[in-house]
């Protein structure tokens, strides 16, 4: 079977590939992999387009310049790569309300959108508060044996399991 068109890849092979990619990123750019700052930069670029003076005065954007850079391109590549992968494997589908969500909460698309929006905002705030996301802490930080990253990863897993158990385990409808 052609590996490009497979439904799923071995998590061990993919994990090793991400590890090698991390090493290459460190060697070539002296920077770790990470994704969450790219979303903050995107928000800054949108704000700059609407009100440049306000964006220029914000202390966060003075430290983290809102621009398209290597990290932003990694996120863009993830989006394009996942679309390409799902297309080539024949699994590309638009699901407004995924079956597991519909089973637990009903098939209301507006409710699904609201929950996804709230969840995305909370994850974004958490990533900024933790000064990194699952790729920044979970891949790059643990690769460097950073204690803070190991603690963050434990918190990611514990909170993810707890929320999933709370929502899906209790059968909330």
Protein backbone atom coordinates (compact mmCIF):
# COMPACT_ATOMS: atom_id res chain seq x y z
CA UNK A 1 0.00 0.00 0.00
CA UNK A 2 1.21 3.47 -0.85
CA UNK A 3 1.98 5.31 2.41
CA UNK A 4 0.67 8.62 1.09
CA UNK A 5 -2.86 7.27 0.60
CA UNK A 6 -3.10 5.28 3.85
CA UNK A 7 -6.01 6.10 6.19
CA UNK A 8 -3.66 6.52 9.14
CA UNK A 9 0.05 6.31 9.80
CA UNK A 10 1.91 4.58 12.58
CA UNK A 11 2.12 6.92 15.59
CA UNK A 12 5.64 5.60 16.22
CA UNK A 13 6.85 6.53 12.74
CA UNK A 14 5.11 9.92 12.88
CA UNK A 15 6.50 10.59 16.38
CA UNK A 16 10.02 9.76 15.23
CA UNK A 17 9.52 12.00 12.18
CA UNK A 18 8.39 14.91 14.35
CA UNK A 19 11.43 14.34 16.58
CA UNK A 20 13.77 14.47 13.59
CA UNK A 21 11.96 17.57 12.30
CA UNK A 22 12.51 19.19 15.71
CA UNK A 23 16.24 18.46 15.53
CA UNK A 24 16.39 19.93 12.02
CA UNK A 25 14.51 23.05 13.20
CA UNK A 26 17.01 23.50 16.04
CA UNK A 27 19.98 22.96 13.72
CA UNK A 28 18.81 25.28 10.94
CA UNK A 29 17.01 28.04 12.83
CA UNK A 30 18.13 27.62 16.44
CA UNK A 31 14.45 27.73 17.38
CA UNK A 32 12.01 25.15 18.71
CA UNK A 33 8.83 24.07 16.96
CA UNK A 34 5.70 25.76 18.23
CA UNK A 35 2.38 26.94 16.88
CA UNK A 36 0.36 29.03 19.31
CA UNK A 37 2.28 32.28 18.86
CA UNK A 38 1.39 32.21 15.16
CA UNK A 39 -2.28 32.64 16.10
CA UNK A 40 -1.45 35.61 18.32
CA UNK A 41 0.58 37.08 15.45
CA UNK A 42 -2.38 36.56 13.11
CA UNK A 43 -4.64 38.44 15.53
CA UNK A 44 -2.03 41.22 15.62
CA UNK A 45 -1.91 41.39 11.82
CA UNK A 46 -5.71 41.67 11.70
CA UNK A 47 -5.66 44.37 14.37
CA UNK A 48 -2.89 46.23 12.51
CA UNK A 49 -4.98 46.18 9.35
CA UNK A 50 -7.96 47.65 11.23
CA UNK A 51 -6.20 50.04 13.64
CA UNK A 52 -2.43 50.20 13.20
CA UNK A 53 -1.84 52.79 15.94
CA UNK A 54 -3.57 50.69 18.58
CA UNK A 55 -1.70 47.53 17.58
CA UNK A 56 1.65 49.36 17.59
CA UNK A 57 1.04 50.60 21.16
CA UNK A 58 0.24 47.17 22.63
CA UNK A 59 3.16 45.88 24.70
CA UNK A 60 2.55 42.28 23.60
CA UNK A 61 2.93 43.19 19.92
CA UNK A 62 6.04 45.22 20.67
CA UNK A 63 7.60 42.03 22.04
CA UNK A 64 6.03 39.58 19.58
CA UNK A 65 5.87 41.34 16.20
CA UNK A 66 2.68 40.51 14.26
CA UNK A 67 4.15 39.27 11.00
CA UNK A 68 4.34 36.22 8.77
CA UNK A 69 7.45 34.33 9.83
CA UNK A 70 8.75 30.75 9.94
CA UNK A 71 6.38 29.81 12.78
CA UNK A 72 3.36 31.19 10.96
CA UNK A 73 4.42 29.23 7.87
CA UNK A 74 4.66 26.02 9.95
CA UNK A 75 1.01 26.46 10.97
CA UNK A 76 0.04 27.23 7.37
CA UNK A 77 1.93 24.09 6.30
CA UNK A 78 0.07 22.02 8.90
CA UNK A 79 -3.26 23.20 7.51
CA UNK A 80 -2.29 22.56 3.88
CA UNK A 81 -0.62 19.24 4.79
CA UNK A 82 -3.66 17.95 6.67
CA UNK A 83 -5.99 18.94 3.82
CA UNK A 84 -3.69 17.29 1.28
CA UNK A 85 -3.35 14.15 3.41
CA UNK A 86 -7.11 13.78 3.89
CA UNK A 87 -7.70 14.39 0.18
CA UNK A 88 -5.08 11.84 -0.93
CA UNK A 89 -6.37 9.22 1.51
CA UNK A 90 -9.92 9.73 0.28
CA UNK A 91 -11.13 10.82 3.71
CA UNK A 92 -11.72 14.51 3.03
CA UNK A 93 -15.19 15.38 4.28
CA UNK A 94 -16.87 18.48 5.61
CA UNK A 95 -18.54 17.65 8.91
CA UNK A 96 -20.44 20.55 10.41
CA UNK A 97 -21.46 18.39 13.37
CA UNK A 98 -19.28 15.28 13.84
CA UNK A 99 -21.16 12.09 14.83
CA UNK A 100 -19.58 11.84 18.30
CA UNK A 101 -20.66 15.42 19.07
CA UNK A 102 -24.17 14.85 17.69
CA UNK A 103 -24.55 11.72 19.80
CA UNK A 104 -23.56 13.54 23.00
CA UNK A 105 -25.12 16.98 22.42
CA UNK A 106 -27.46 16.82 19.44
CA UNK A 107 -27.03 17.93 15.83
CA UNK A 108 -27.50 21.70 16.26
CA UNK A 109 -24.83 23.32 14.06
CA UNK A 110 -25.04 26.70 15.82
CA UNK A 111 -24.48 25.07 19.21
CA UNK A 112 -21.52 23.12 17.76
CA UNK A 113 -20.05 26.35 16.40
CA UNK A 114 -20.49 28.12 19.76
CA UNK A 115 -18.83 25.28 21.67
CA UNK A 116 -15.96 25.12 19.15
CA UNK A 117 -15.49 28.90 19.37
CA UNK A 118 -15.48 28.91 23.18
CA UNK A 119 -13.13 25.91 23.26
CA UNK A 120 -10.78 27.54 20.77
CA UNK A 121 -10.67 30.77 22.76
CA UNK A 122 -9.97 28.89 26.00
CA UNK A 123 -7.22 26.82 24.38
CA UNK A 124 -5.68 29.97 22.88
CA UNK A 125 -5.75 31.78 26.22
CA UNK A 126 -4.30 28.73 27.97
CA UNK A 127 -1.50 28.46 25.42
CA UNK A 128 -0.59 32.12 25.89
CA UNK A 129 -0.85 31.82 29.68
CA UNK A 130 1.40 28.73 29.67
CA UNK A 131 3.76 30.49 27.23
CA UNK A 132 3.38 27.64 24.78
CA UNK A 133 1.09 25.04 23.32
CA UNK A 134 1.15 21.28 23.01
CA UNK A 135 3.69 21.46 20.20
CA UNK A 136 5.87 24.04 21.94
CA UNK A 137 5.88 22.36 25.35
CA UNK A 138 4.94 18.81 24.36
CA UNK A 139 7.40 18.39 21.52
CA UNK A 140 10.13 21.00 21.72
CA UNK A 141 10.19 21.56 25.47
CA UNK A 142 10.19 17.90 26.47
CA UNK A 143 12.82 17.23 23.80
CA UNK A 144 15.03 19.73 25.67
CA UNK A 145 14.12 18.08 29.02
CA UNK A 146 12.54 21.31 30.25
CA UNK A 147 10.91 20.73 33.65
CA UNK A 148 8.30 23.42 32.93
CA UNK A 149 7.37 21.67 29.68
CA UNK A 150 7.06 18.28 31.38
CA UNK A 151 4.77 19.82 34.00
CA UNK A 152 2.75 21.53 31.24
CA UNK A 153 2.37 18.24 29.35
CA UNK A 154 1.13 16.45 32.47
CA UNK A 155 -1.40 19.28 32.95
CA UNK A 156 -2.49 19.01 29.28
CA UNK A 157 -3.20 15.30 29.65
CA UNK A 158 -4.85 15.48 33.06
CA UNK A 159 -7.13 18.36 32.09
CA UNK A 160 -7.96 16.80 28.70
CA UNK A 161 -8.87 13.46 30.26
CA UNK A 162 -10.88 15.15 33.03
CA UNK A 163 -12.87 17.34 30.63
CA UNK A 164 -13.51 14.43 28.22
CA UNK A 165 -14.66 12.24 31.12
CA UNK A 166 -16.86 15.02 32.45
CA UNK A 167 -18.48 15.79 29.11
CA UNK A 168 -18.67 12.40 27.41
CA UNK A 169 -18.45 10.10 30.43
CA UNK A 170 -21.48 11.62 32.08
CA UNK A 171 -23.43 11.49 28.83
CA UNK A 172 -24.37 15.17 28.99
CA UNK A 173 -27.03 15.96 26.40
